Amino acid sequence: MTTWTIRRATESDATSVANCAVEAFSHYIPRLGLTPIPMTRDYGAAIANAQVWVATQHGETIAALVLDTTDEGFLIDVIAVLPQHQGTGVGRALLELAEQEALRQGHDSIYLFTNEKMTENRALYERIGYVEYKRLAFAERTRVFLRKPLK
């Protein structure tokens, strides 16, 4: 049974989206030795300039999704799920929404990137059809880019 509601984020959601990202990514700080980029994003600007979605439960933001269109195609820029809601299916529901939006907006694939040290994220994405196509090292990080073809 779905116990959350997914909707487009509004300007008033910026703080809750930022808090969700901080909670979802903070456990990576010791592994990475630095702050994950999603923890430092300006989500007010993302809501104004990209496609931001939130999953809410009892009025609380429990997960967030930032989508954008770039020169490379349709991007899942950030997906963040509060730790206590991971494994409930809300992240998967947001990923499915991202794929539906990519198709609706005329794209035949979707891509994302993650830090190479976020191995569990990479494994999840590969299990659901994403394939690594490049790596980019910068500022003490290595991003792994993955793409999924869509029907």
Foldseek 3Di string as FASTA:
>chain_A
DDQKDKDWDDLVCQVLQLVQQCQQQVVCCVVLVHGDPSNVDRSSVQSVPWTKMFIDHPRHTQWMWTWHQDPVGIEGEDIGGRPVCPPVCPSVVVVVVSLVVRVVVPHQKYKYKDWPSVVVVVVVCVVVAWDWDDWDDDDSTIITMTMHGHD
